[in-house]
C-alpha cells in the first residue's frame, strides 16, 4: 500500500503501516477453528495456533516435570507434546485425551534450562545466542560471523561439555544486530543524529492514556518520538527496558489521540488486534516493519538468549533474555515492529537478528505478553492485556497484501543476535528471509534514524542513515559492525 499519513493529534500512528513492495504474502482466512470433540478421545485435535498455545500451557501445568516442551505443526494444525522417558503411561493418556500428539524424549526441560545456565556462565560472547528447540529436544546454539578464533573455540568447547545429545551449534552468515524498525515508522532526534524505529502495537496505558509499544533499544535511544521525519514530537517514552528485556511503552502527548488496535498489512488492509498471545514453536507468524513491510515465517524457538555487542560499553555485551526466535526476515529500521498471527493475536516486538530479506537469517522478538505485564498496559481500548486466549480478528488483511513494503533504509546486519535455530520458512513468500538485517529504524514512515540499537542513522548501534528512505548515514555502529546496540 502507499504510505498513509495520519493527522497528528487526531489519530494514532497505525501499527505496522508501510509502503508496499512487489512480493506478496498471503494471510490465510481465519477458518481453522478448534475441533470440537470429546475430551476422552485419543485422536489429536485440529487446533488454531492460539488454541494450541493455550493447550500447551494447560498441559505443562498438568504434566509437571514430565512435560518437556511442545511445538505446533501448521500443516496438520496439531500440537505435539514432549514427555520425558519413564513418565510415559499416565502422562500419555492425559495429554492425548486433551487432544495433543505425544512424543517420548530424553531431555527434560529442567536439564535443558540447566544447560542454558552453563552457556550463560561460560559462553556469554557477543554474537551468540541459544534457545530450547522442542523439535530436536536440544539447545540450539547460534554464532554469528564475528565469533571466530578463541571465541569460537570457547563456545564449541562449552557446547561439547553439555553432551552430544544436549545441544547443537551452528554458524550464521550475518551478524546479530538490533533493528530499529517495524510497523509504521517513528522518528527521533538525538545528539548523534536521527533515529528511526517502527511502532509495534497501540495500547492503553495503566492510567488510561493512549500509548504504543516498541523496542526497548529504541526507547533507550531517544525520549521523544514523531510520526514524521524532522517533525514535532507526538509521543514520549514512559518506560524503556534494554538490555535484559527489549520493550518500551511510549505515551501519546495528546491524550485525545485515537489509538486503534490494528496492524496495517499493506494495500489498505488492516488486521484488527484483539488479544495478546504467547508464541508457539512451529506456528506461522507475520511481521510488519517500516523498512521491509510484511513478511511471514515460523517460530523456531522460545526463551531465547541473545548476546549483542554493547553500543555504549566498549567490549561489553548487552544480553537480552526470554525472546521469541523465528526465521522471519528483518532489516534495519524494522525494530519495534509488530509480530502477529492471522487471527489477530499480538505476539512480539522486533528486537534484532542477523541476515536480511534477500539472503535470510534469524530474527528475535520481545514477547508482547511480557511487555504488557511489565508495563501494566492493555491492548487497544482496554482490551485483553496479557491474555493468550483465542479470538477472531476483526479484520483480515487482503490475501494479496504486499509481503514487503516500503523503502528499505539500509539493509545490513540483522537486529539483535540471538540463539536462533530455524532457517527461513520454505513456505515464506519472497523476501521472507530468516534473519533481520541491520535496519534503518522503524517507525511511522520509512526512516533511517540513528537511535540506539540497530539503526540507520548516526545513533549508537547499527545504523545506516538518518533520513527517510534508504540512507547510509554515519553513526556509531556502522552496518558492518557486529552485534551492536539495539536499534
Protein backbone atom coordinates (compact mmCIF):
# COMPACT_ATOMS: atom_id res chain seq x y z
CA UNK A 1 0.00 0.00 0.00
CA UNK A 2 1.08 3.56 -0.36
CA UNK A 3 2.33 5.47 2.64
CA UNK A 4 -0.58 6.58 4.74
CA UNK A 5 -0.27 9.79 6.69
CA UNK A 6 -2.43 10.21 9.73
CA UNK A 7 -3.34 13.65 11.05
CA UNK A 8 -1.30 14.42 14.12
CA UNK A 9 -3.16 14.57 17.44
CA UNK A 10 -6.27 13.17 15.77
CA UNK A 11 -5.30 9.65 15.01
CA UNK A 12 -2.60 7.39 16.33
CA UNK A 13 0.14 6.04 14.18
CA UNK A 14 -1.31 2.88 12.67
CA UNK A 15 0.76 -0.02 13.89
CA UNK A 16 2.67 -1.78 11.18
CA UNK A 17 2.00 0.66 8.31
CA UNK A 18 4.44 0.64 5.42
CA UNK A 19 4.65 1.28 1.70
CA UNK A 20 4.10 -1.80 -0.42
CA UNK A 21 6.84 -3.53 -2.37
CA UNK A 22 6.37 -6.14 -5.04
CA UNK A 23 6.48 -9.51 -3.29
CA UNK A 24 3.27 -10.85 -1.84
CA UNK A 25 2.42 -12.72 1.32
CA UNK A 26 -0.94 -14.29 1.85
CA UNK A 27 -2.68 -14.01 5.19
CA UNK A 28 -4.85 -17.09 5.19
CA UNK A 29 -8.54 -16.85 6.11
CA UNK A 30 -9.29 -17.39 9.75
CA UNK A 31 -11.04 -20.68 9.13
CA UNK A 32 -9.16 -23.15 11.27
CA UNK A 33 -11.38 -23.24 14.30
CA UNK A 34 -10.60 -25.63 17.09
CA UNK A 35 -12.09 -29.05 16.60
CA UNK A 36 -14.93 -29.83 18.96
CA UNK A 37 -14.51 -33.40 20.02
CA UNK A 38 -14.80 -35.47 23.10
CA UNK A 39 -12.04 -34.84 25.61
CA UNK A 40 -11.83 -38.58 26.04
CA UNK A 41 -10.69 -39.29 22.50
CA UNK A 42 -7.03 -40.08 21.88
CA UNK A 43 -7.16 -38.65 18.35
CA UNK A 44 -5.13 -35.42 18.04
CA UNK A 45 -7.31 -32.36 17.63
CA UNK A 46 -7.10 -29.82 14.84
CA UNK A 47 -6.25 -26.53 16.52
CA UNK A 48 -5.59 -22.93 15.66
CA UNK A 49 -2.14 -21.82 16.78
CA UNK A 50 -3.52 -19.70 19.61
CA UNK A 51 -5.60 -22.62 20.89
CA UNK A 52 -2.55 -24.88 20.63
CA UNK A 53 -0.60 -22.38 22.74
CA UNK A 54 -3.32 -22.43 25.38
CA UNK A 55 -3.41 -26.23 25.36
CA UNK A 56 0.38 -26.40 25.71
CA UNK A 57 0.22 -24.15 28.78
CA UNK A 58 -2.51 -26.26 30.33
CA UNK A 59 -0.62 -29.49 29.69
CA UNK A 60 2.57 -28.04 31.13
CA UNK A 61 0.70 -27.35 34.37
CA UNK A 62 -1.00 -30.75 34.26
CA UNK A 63 2.06 -32.85 33.47
CA UNK A 64 4.56 -31.06 35.68
CA UNK A 65 8.13 -32.35 35.44
CA UNK A 66 7.12 -34.88 32.77
CA UNK A 67 6.45 -32.03 30.31
CA UNK A 68 9.50 -31.48 28.08
CA UNK A 69 8.26 -28.83 25.65
CA UNK A 70 5.83 -28.70 22.75
CA UNK A 71 5.53 -27.49 19.18
CA UNK A 72 2.83 -26.83 16.62
CA UNK A 73 2.60 -28.25 13.09
CA UNK A 74 0.95 -25.57 10.98
CA UNK A 75 0.39 -28.09 8.18
CA UNK A 76 -1.61 -30.64 10.17
CA UNK A 77 -2.68 -27.99 12.72
CA UNK A 78 -1.81 -30.30 15.56
CA UNK A 79 0.15 -29.85 18.79
CA UNK A 80 2.94 -32.26 19.71
CA UNK A 81 3.90 -32.52 23.39
CA UNK A 82 7.24 -33.95 24.52
CA UNK A 83 7.30 -36.14 27.64
CA UNK A 84 10.43 -37.47 29.25
CA UNK A 85 11.24 -41.17 29.28
CA UNK A 86 9.89 -43.08 32.23
CA UNK A 87 6.76 -40.96 32.65
CA UNK A 88 5.01 -42.25 29.59
CA UNK A 89 1.93 -44.20 30.67
CA UNK A 90 -0.33 -41.89 32.66
CA UNK A 91 1.16 -38.81 31.03
CA UNK A 92 0.42 -40.02 27.53
CA UNK A 93 -3.18 -40.79 28.42
CA UNK A 94 -3.72 -37.33 29.89
CA UNK A 95 -2.07 -35.48 27.00
CA UNK A 96 -3.82 -37.49 24.30
CA UNK A 97 -7.20 -37.04 25.94
CA UNK A 98 -6.56 -33.31 25.86
CA UNK A 99 -6.06 -33.51 22.08
CA UNK A 100 -2.26 -33.46 21.68
CA UNK A 101 0.16 -35.83 20.00
CA UNK A 102 2.69 -37.23 22.44
CA UNK A 103 6.38 -37.89 21.81
CA UNK A 104 8.76 -39.50 24.28
CA UNK A 105 12.11 -37.68 24.54
CA UNK A 106 15.31 -37.91 26.59
CA UNK A 107 15.98 -34.38 27.85
CA UNK A 108 13.72 -32.77 30.45
CA UNK A 109 13.05 -29.04 30.46
CA UNK A 110 14.97 -28.80 33.73
CA UNK A 111 18.04 -30.36 32.10
CA UNK A 112 17.82 -28.08 29.06
CA UNK A 113 17.45 -24.99 31.25
CA UNK A 114 20.46 -26.11 33.27
CA UNK A 115 22.41 -26.35 30.01
CA UNK A 116 21.35 -22.80 29.14
CA UNK A 117 22.66 -21.61 32.50
CA UNK A 118 26.01 -23.23 31.73
CA UNK A 119 26.13 -21.42 28.39
CA UNK A 120 25.34 -18.14 30.13
CA UNK A 121 28.11 -18.68 32.67
CA UNK A 122 30.78 -19.92 30.26
CA UNK A 123 29.89 -18.66 26.78
CA UNK A 124 28.28 -15.21 27.01
CA UNK A 125 30.09 -13.95 23.93
CA UNK A 126 28.87 -11.08 21.72
CA UNK A 127 27.39 -12.61 18.58
CA UNK A 128 26.00 -15.73 20.22
CA UNK A 129 22.50 -16.91 21.04
CA UNK A 130 20.71 -20.01 22.27
CA UNK A 131 17.18 -21.30 22.71
CA UNK A 132 15.40 -24.53 23.53
CA UNK A 133 14.30 -26.30 20.34
CA UNK A 134 11.45 -28.70 21.24
CA UNK A 135 11.56 -30.32 17.81
CA UNK A 136 15.07 -31.67 18.43
CA UNK A 137 14.75 -31.72 22.24
CA UNK A 138 18.08 -29.88 22.39
CA UNK A 139 19.54 -26.43 22.91
CA UNK A 140 20.07 -24.75 19.55
CA UNK A 141 23.17 -22.54 19.77
CA UNK A 142 23.98 -19.98 17.08
CA UNK A 143 27.13 -17.92 16.48
CA UNK A 144 27.34 -15.03 14.05
CA UNK A 145 30.24 -14.26 11.71
CA UNK A 146 32.17 -12.33 14.38
CA UNK A 147 32.59 -15.40 16.60
CA UNK A 148 35.95 -16.77 15.44
CA UNK A 149 39.26 -17.99 16.84
CA UNK A 150 39.39 -18.23 20.63
CA UNK A 151 35.76 -17.14 20.92
CA UNK A 152 34.58 -19.96 18.64
CA UNK A 153 36.74 -22.48 20.49
CA UNK A 154 35.32 -21.32 23.81
CA UNK A 155 31.76 -21.64 22.53
CA UNK A 156 32.17 -25.07 20.97
CA UNK A 157 34.01 -26.47 23.98
CA UNK A 158 31.20 -25.28 26.23
CA UNK A 159 28.61 -26.86 23.97
CA UNK A 160 30.63 -30.09 23.90
CA UNK A 161 30.77 -30.16 27.68
CA UNK A 162 26.97 -30.34 27.78
CA UNK A 163 26.97 -33.64 25.92
CA UNK A 164 26.26 -34.67 22.33
CA UNK A 165 22.54 -35.14 22.99
CA UNK A 166 22.05 -31.81 24.76
CA UNK A 167 22.99 -29.07 22.27
CA UNK A 168 23.90 -28.26 18.69
CA UNK A 169 25.84 -25.27 17.40
CA UNK A 170 25.72 -23.58 14.00
CA UNK A 171 27.20 -20.55 12.30
CA UNK A 172 25.13 -17.66 10.96
CA UNK A 173 26.48 -15.84 7.91
CA UNK A 174 25.48 -12.40 9.16
CA UNK A 175 25.98 -10.56 12.42
CA UNK A 176 23.46 -10.11 15.20
CA UNK A 177 22.22 -6.57 15.45
CA UNK A 178 19.21 -4.78 16.77
CA UNK A 179 16.83 -3.35 14.21
CA UNK A 180 15.25 -0.03 14.69
CA UNK A 181 12.08 -0.51 12.73
CA UNK A 182 8.73 -2.25 12.35
CA UNK A 183 5.16 -1.27 11.60
CA UNK A 184 4.64 2.42 10.99
CA UNK A 185 7.82 4.42 11.10
CA UNK A 186 8.52 6.60 14.11
CA UNK A 187 11.33 9.14 14.27
CA UNK A 188 13.50 10.79 16.89
CA UNK A 189 16.43 13.15 17.05
CA UNK A 190 19.48 12.52 19.25
CA UNK A 191 22.81 14.22 19.72
CA UNK A 192 24.25 11.65 17.32
CA UNK A 193 21.62 12.22 14.64
CA UNK A 194 18.21 10.96 13.56
CA UNK A 195 16.77 7.64 14.65
CA UNK A 196 14.02 5.59 13.02
CA UNK A 197 12.14 2.66 14.52
CA UNK A 198 8.78 1.00 13.98
CA UNK A 199 5.64 1.15 16.05
CA UNK A 200 4.60 -2.22 17.38
CA UNK A 201 1.08 -2.11 18.83
CA UNK A 202 -1.16 0.65 20.11
CA UNK A 203 -2.18 0.09 23.72
CA UNK A 204 -3.88 1.81 26.63
CA UNK A 205 -1.51 2.69 29.49
CA UNK A 206 -2.44 1.79 33.06
CA UNK A 207 -3.59 5.38 33.68
CA UNK A 208 -5.99 5.16 30.72
CA UNK A 209 -3.93 7.28 28.32
CA UNK A 210 -3.25 6.22 24.70
CA UNK A 211 0.20 4.76 24.07
CA UNK A 212 2.14 2.28 21.96
CA UNK A 213 4.73 -0.45 22.43
CA UNK A 214 8.01 -0.54 20.54
CA UNK A 215 11.51 -1.93 21.10
CA UNK A 216 13.33 -1.09 24.31
CA UNK A 217 16.52 -0.18 22.49
CA UNK A 218 14.51 2.46 20.62
CA UNK A 219 13.15 3.92 23.86
CA UNK A 220 16.62 3.97 25.39
CA UNK A 221 17.98 5.77 22.33
CA UNK A 222 15.55 8.69 22.40
CA UNK A 223 12.87 10.07 24.72
CA UNK A 224 10.55 11.84 22.26
CA UNK A 225 9.18 10.43 19.02
CA UNK A 226 7.45 11.87 15.96
CA UNK A 227 5.29 10.37 13.22
CA UNK A 228 7.29 12.19 10.54
CA UNK A 229 10.96 12.77 9.91
CA UNK A 230 12.13 16.02 11.50
CA UNK A 231 8.56 16.56 12.70
CA UNK A 232 7.39 17.75 16.11
CA UNK A 233 7.32 15.06 18.80
CA UNK A 234 3.91 13.45 19.30
CA UNK A 235 4.79 10.84 21.93
CA UNK A 236 7.12 10.49 24.93
CA UNK A 237 8.77 7.37 26.35
CA UNK A 238 7.22 6.37 29.66
CA UNK A 239 9.15 3.13 30.28
CA UNK A 240 12.07 1.55 28.41
CA UNK A 241 13.83 -1.71 29.19
CA UNK A 242 17.09 -2.72 27.46
CA UNK A 243 19.17 -4.81 27.85
CA UNK A 244 17.69 -7.73 29.81
CA UNK A 245 14.37 -7.14 28.05
CA UNK A 246 13.62 -5.16 24.90
CA UNK A 247 10.39 -3.17 25.14
CA UNK A 248 9.26 0.44 25.56
CA UNK A 249 5.92 2.00 26.48
CA UNK A 250 5.54 5.34 24.70
CA UNK A 251 2.60 7.62 25.58
CA UNK A 252 0.96 9.95 23.07
CA UNK A 253 1.37 13.56 24.18
CA UNK A 254 -2.22 14.39 23.21
CA UNK A 255 -4.48 12.33 25.49
CA UNK A 256 -7.33 12.63 22.96
CA UNK A 257 -5.31 10.69 20.37
CA UNK A 258 -7.21 7.76 18.92
CA UNK A 259 -5.00 4.66 19.04
CA UNK A 260 -6.64 1.87 17.00
CA UNK A 261 -5.72 -1.68 17.94
CA UNK A 262 -4.72 -2.79 14.48
CA UNK A 263 -1.78 -3.50 12.22
CA UNK A 264 -1.60 -2.03 8.74
CA UNK A 265 -0.87 -5.03 6.49
CA UNK A 266 -0.45 -3.10 3.25
CA UNK A 267 -2.71 -2.44 0.27
CA UNK A 268 -5.06 -0.52 2.51
CA UNK A 269 -5.81 -3.59 4.59
CA UNK A 270 -5.59 -3.80 8.37
CA UNK A 271 -5.59 -6.66 10.82
CA UNK A 272 -7.56 -5.99 14.00
CA UNK A 273 -5.54 -6.95 17.07
CA UNK A 274 -7.93 -8.44 19.61
CA UNK A 275 -5.60 -10.05 22.14
CA UNK A 276 -2.04 -10.84 23.13
CA UNK A 277 -0.79 -14.40 22.84
CA UNK A 278 2.29 -16.38 23.75
CA UNK A 279 4.20 -17.78 20.79
CA UNK A 280 4.19 -21.49 19.98
CA UNK A 281 7.12 -23.20 18.22
CA UNK A 282 6.05 -24.13 14.70
CA UNK A 283 3.25 -21.60 14.29
CA UNK A 284 3.16 -19.21 11.33
CA UNK A 285 3.63 -15.56 12.24
CA UNK A 286 3.67 -12.27 10.33
CA UNK A 287 5.97 -9.31 10.85
CA UNK A 288 5.28 -5.75 9.74
CA UNK A 289 8.09 -3.22 9.62
CA UNK A 290 8.65 0.24 8.23
CA UNK A 291 11.70 -0.84 6.24
CA UNK A 292 10.73 -4.16 4.70
CA UNK A 293 6.96 -4.33 5.11
CA UNK A 294 5.08 -7.57 5.61
CA UNK A 295 6.90 -10.89 5.87
CA UNK A 296 5.98 -14.26 7.30
CA UNK A 297 7.71 -17.32 8.68
CA UNK A 298 7.65 -19.63 11.66
CA UNK A 299 8.55 -19.56 15.33
CA UNK A 300 11.62 -21.76 15.80
CA UNK A 301 12.43 -21.34 19.48
CA UNK A 302 11.29 -19.80 22.76
CA UNK A 303 13.02 -18.25 25.75
CA UNK A 304 15.99 -17.39 23.55
CA UNK A 305 19.04 -15.56 24.88
CA UNK A 306 20.87 -13.18 22.55
CA UNK A 307 24.23 -11.55 23.28
CA UNK A 308 24.70 -8.26 21.42
CA UNK A 309 27.96 -6.34 21.34
CA UNK A 310 27.28 -3.30 23.53
CA UNK A 311 26.94 0.02 21.77
CA UNK A 312 27.66 2.00 24.89
CA UNK A 313 30.32 -0.02 26.71
CA UNK A 314 33.41 -0.81 24.59
CA UNK A 315 33.99 -4.54 24.62
CA UNK A 316 30.83 -5.06 26.65
CA UNK A 317 27.84 -7.30 26.00
CA UNK A 318 24.13 -6.42 26.00
CA UNK A 319 22.26 -9.63 26.78
CA UNK A 320 18.52 -9.97 26.21
CA UNK A 321 16.63 -12.95 27.59
CA UNK A 322 13.25 -14.55 27.02
CA UNK A 323 12.99 -13.76 23.31
CA UNK A 324 11.00 -15.49 20.57
CA UNK A 325 13.24 -16.92 17.84
CA UNK A 326 11.94 -17.03 14.25
CA UNK A 327 13.03 -17.42 10.64
CA UNK A 328 11.14 -14.29 9.59
CA UNK A 329 13.44 -11.76 7.93
CA UNK A 330 14.02 -8.17 9.00
CA UNK A 331 16.32 -5.28 8.28
CA UNK A 332 17.44 -2.04 9.83
CA UNK A 333 14.52 0.19 10.75
CA UNK A 334 12.19 -2.73 11.47
CA UNK A 335 12.99 -2.64 15.20
CA UNK A 336 9.96 -2.45 17.44
CA UNK A 337 7.64 -3.56 14.65
CA UNK A 338 4.72 -5.89 15.16
CA UNK A 339 4.81 -9.71 15.12
CA UNK A 340 1.29 -11.11 14.96
CA UNK A 341 -0.84 -14.04 13.84
CA UNK A 342 -3.54 -14.32 11.21
CA UNK A 343 -6.28 -14.42 13.84
CA UNK A 344 -5.36 -11.05 15.30
CA UNK A 345 -3.06 -12.00 18.17
CA UNK A 346 -0.22 -9.66 19.14
CA UNK A 347 2.83 -11.87 19.70
CA UNK A 348 6.08 -9.89 19.64
CA UNK A 349 8.09 -6.71 19.06
CA UNK A 350 11.03 -6.85 16.64
CA UNK A 351 14.31 -6.85 18.57
CA UNK A 352 17.25 -7.95 16.42
CA UNK A 353 18.89 -10.71 14.46
CA UNK A 354 21.16 -11.49 11.55
CA UNK A 355 20.73 -11.56 7.80
CA UNK A 356 18.31 -9.60 5.65
CA UNK A 357 15.26 -10.10 3.47
CA UNK A 358 17.37 -11.17 0.49
CA UNK A 359 19.70 -13.76 1.99
CA UNK A 360 17.61 -14.72 5.00
CA UNK A 361 18.72 -15.16 8.59
CA UNK A 362 17.26 -15.23 12.09
CA UNK A 363 15.19 -12.63 13.91
CA UNK A 364 14.27 -12.35 17.59
CA UNK A 365 11.25 -10.75 19.18
CA UNK A 366 10.32 -9.47 22.63
CA UNK A 367 7.12 -11.27 23.74
CA UNK A 368 4.19 -8.84 23.91
CA UNK A 369 2.60 -10.65 26.85
CA UNK A 370 5.69 -9.96 28.97
CA UNK A 371 5.77 -6.29 27.91
CA UNK A 372 2.11 -5.82 28.79
CA UNK A 373 2.53 -7.46 32.15
CA UNK A 374 5.59 -5.37 32.99
CA UNK A 375 4.10 -2.03 31.91
CA UNK A 376 0.52 -2.62 33.06
CA UNK A 377 -0.76 -1.63 29.61
CA UNK A 378 -3.65 -3.28 27.77
CA UNK A 379 -4.23 -3.72 24.07
CA UNK A 380 -6.26 -1.09 22.26
CA UNK A 381 -9.18 0.35 24.16
CA UNK A 382 -8.58 -1.61 27.32
CA UNK A 383 -8.66 -4.94 25.53
CA UNK A 384 -7.12 -8.17 26.73
CA UNK A 385 -3.75 -7.43 28.21
CA UNK A 386 -1.53 -10.39 28.76
CA UNK A 387 -4.17 -12.91 27.95
CA UNK A 388 -3.34 -15.54 25.40
CA UNK A 389 -6.84 -16.67 24.61
CA UNK A 390 -8.03 -17.20 21.10
CA UNK A 391 -10.30 -14.69 19.49
CA UNK A 392 -11.42 -13.86 15.99
CA UNK A 393 -9.76 -10.95 14.35
CA UNK A 394 -11.99 -8.12 13.36
CA UNK A 395 -10.41 -7.53 10.03
CA UNK A 396 -8.17 -9.74 7.95
CA UNK A 397 -5.56 -8.49 5.59
CA UNK A 398 -6.16 -8.83 1.90
CA UNK A 399 -4.56 -12.09 0.66
CA UNK A 400 -2.83 -10.00 -1.95
CA UNK A 401 -1.25 -7.79 0.68
CA UNK A 402 2.31 -6.94 -0.15
CA UNK A 403 4.94 -9.01 1.55
CA UNK A 404 7.44 -6.33 1.87
CA UNK A 405 6.73 -2.73 1.87
CA UNK A 406 8.47 0.46 1.96
CA UNK A 407 11.69 1.87 1.05
CA UNK A 408 14.47 -0.09 2.66
CA UNK A 409 16.60 2.15 4.75
CA UNK A 410 19.74 0.31 4.86
CA UNK A 411 19.84 -3.42 4.79
CA UNK A 412 22.72 -4.81 6.69
CA UNK A 413 23.22 -6.81 9.72
CA UNK A 414 20.12 -8.04 11.34
CA UNK A 415 18.87 -6.63 14.53
CA UNK A 416 19.94 -8.38 17.61
CA UNK A 417 21.67 -11.61 17.64
CA UNK A 418 20.41 -14.46 19.49
CA UNK A 419 20.20 -18.07 19.61
CA UNK A 420 18.46 -18.97 16.50
CA UNK A 421 17.83 -22.35 15.18
CA UNK A 422 15.47 -22.02 12.32
CA UNK A 423 16.16 -21.29 8.73
CA UNK A 424 13.78 -19.39 6.54
CA UNK A 425 10.37 -20.95 6.22
CA UNK A 426 10.18 -22.69 2.83
CA UNK A 427 6.60 -21.51 2.55
CA UNK A 428 7.51 -17.92 3.23
CA UNK A 429 6.94 -15.54 0.38
CA UNK A 430 9.56 -13.64 -1.44
CA UNK A 431 11.94 -11.80 0.77
CA UNK A 432 10.76 -13.65 3.81
CA UNK A 433 14.30 -14.05 5.00
CA UNK A 434 15.17 -15.72 8.21
CA UNK A 435 17.22 -13.04 9.79
CA UNK A 436 16.79 -9.39 10.07
CA UNK A 437 19.47 -7.22 8.80
CA UNK A 438 20.70 -4.02 10.09
CA UNK A 439 17.82 -1.74 9.76
CA UNK A 440 17.42 1.88 9.48
CA UNK A 441 14.82 2.07 12.11
CA UNK A 442 11.15 1.50 12.19
CA UNK A 443 8.51 3.95 12.86
CA UNK A 444 5.72 5.62 11.15
CA UNK A 445 7.04 6.05 7.72
CA UNK A 446 10.27 4.89 6.34
CA UNK A 447 13.05 6.29 8.46
CA UNK A 448 16.65 5.69 8.80
CA UNK A 449 17.37 7.36 12.11
CA UNK A 450 20.37 6.81 14.25
CA UNK A 451 18.91 5.75 17.51
CA UNK A 452 20.38 3.37 19.93
CA UNK A 453 20.48 -0.11 18.64
CA UNK A 454 20.31 -1.16 15.12
CA UNK A 455 19.50 1.96 13.20
CA UNK A 456 20.21 3.63 10.03
CA UNK A 457 21.05 6.96 11.49
CA UNK A 458 24.03 8.14 13.37
CA UNK A 459 22.97 6.89 16.71
CA UNK A 460 24.63 4.26 18.71
CA UNK A 461 24.08 0.88 17.29
CA UNK A 462 23.99 -0.49 13.86
CA UNK A 463 22.62 2.24 11.68
CA UNK A 464 22.60 3.13 8.11
CA UNK A 465 21.48 6.65 7.75
CA UNK A 466 19.29 9.25 9.30
CA UNK A 467 16.79 10.08 6.65
CA UNK A 468 13.54 8.72 5.50
CA UNK A 469 14.09 6.07 2.95
CA UNK A 470 17.21 4.27 2.10
CA UNK A 471 20.19 6.04 3.62
CA UNK A 472 23.70 5.39 4.59
CA UNK A 473 24.23 7.85 7.40
CA UNK A 474 27.14 7.62 9.73
CA UNK A 475 26.62 6.87 13.34
CA UNK A 476 28.13 4.69 15.87
CA UNK A 477 27.61 1.11 14.99
CA UNK A 478 28.11 1.07 11.28
CA UNK A 479 26.20 -1.59 9.41
CA UNK A 480 29.41 -3.53 9.19
CA UNK A 481 29.91 -3.80 12.89
CA UNK A 482 28.96 -6.90 14.79
CA UNK A 483 26.01 -7.39 17.10
CA UNK A 484 25.76 -3.81 18.12
CA UNK A 485 23.16 -1.99 20.10
CA UNK A 486 19.50 -2.42 19.66
CA UNK A 487 18.02 -0.18 17.16
